[in-house]
Every structure is written in structure tokens, then in C-alpha cells.
Amino acid sequence: MTITMRSYSFTWTDADGTPRASAVAYDEVCAGRRRDELEKAGATDIERVDV
């Protein structure tokens, strides 16, 4: 059995309108937490990207 770990990054727009991109990759669990953090900070256009 082969287990493949998937990694994710994000692109988003800050609440002030500045486009951003993750400098790190997240596993599935951490990506979910990061999305929550971005939403709470007022980010928009949040996109999870496979890396």
C-alpha cells in the first residue's frame, strides 16, 4: 500500500485588497486551519492550490 501525502498552498486577497500567496505548503488538516484563519482575518478570493 502506498500512502501519498498531499500538500496545499493558498492564494487570497487581504482585507485591504492586496493579493497574497502562501510561502509554505500545508497538509490537509493544517490547510483547513489556515483557511479558517484567512476567513477570520477578512480575506477574500481564497483558493487552495495543490502543490
Protein backbone atom coordinates (compact mmCIF):
# COMPACT_ATOMS: atom_id res chain seq x y z
CA MET A 1 0.00 0.00 0.00
CA THR A 2 1.34 3.41 -0.99
CA ILE A 3 0.39 6.47 1.00
CA THR A 4 0.73 9.75 -0.82
CA MET A 5 0.87 12.89 1.23
CA ARG A 6 -0.78 15.81 -0.48
CA SER A 7 0.32 19.37 0.14
CA TYR A 8 -1.60 22.58 -0.40
CA SER A 9 -0.86 26.25 -0.69
CA PHE A 10 -3.19 29.26 -0.85
CA THR A 11 -3.77 32.40 -2.80
CA TRP A 12 -6.06 35.10 -1.40
CA THR A 13 -6.77 38.79 -1.24
CA ASP A 14 -6.21 40.59 2.06
CA ALA A 15 -8.97 42.71 3.56
CA ASP A 16 -7.11 45.79 2.25
CA GLY A 17 -7.17 44.44 -1.34
CA THR A 18 -3.58 43.17 -1.53
CA PRO A 19 -3.21 39.83 -3.38
CA ARG A 20 -1.19 37.25 -1.46
CA ALA A 21 0.18 33.72 -1.86
CA SER A 22 1.42 31.19 0.69
CA ALA A 23 5.16 30.78 1.03
CA VAL A 24 4.70 27.35 2.63
CA ALA A 25 2.77 24.16 1.92
CA TYR A 26 0.20 22.69 4.30
CA ASP A 27 -1.09 19.16 4.84
CA GLU A 28 -4.87 18.58 4.75
CA VAL A 29 -5.51 19.34 8.44
CA CYS A 30 -3.29 22.43 8.56
CA ALA A 31 -4.77 23.71 5.28
CA GLY A 32 -8.21 23.65 6.88
CA ARG A 33 -6.94 25.64 9.84
CA ARG A 34 -5.18 28.14 7.59
CA ARG A 35 -8.36 28.69 5.54
CA ASP A 36 -10.26 29.41 8.78
CA GLU A 37 -7.57 31.91 9.83
CA LEU A 38 -7.74 33.68 6.48
CA GLU A 39 -11.54 33.89 6.58
CA LYS A 40 -11.48 35.29 10.14
CA ALA A 41 -8.95 37.92 9.02
CA GLY A 42 -11.35 39.12 6.30
CA ALA A 43 -9.52 37.61 3.33
CA THR A 44 -11.46 37.07 0.10
CA ASP A 45 -10.90 35.04 -3.07
CA ILE A 46 -9.29 32.25 -1.01
CA GLU A 47 -8.12 29.45 -3.28
CA ARG A 48 -6.48 26.23 -2.13
CA VAL A 49 -3.87 25.05 -4.63
CA ASP A 50 -2.37 21.55 -4.89
CA VAL A 51 1.44 21.67 -4.75
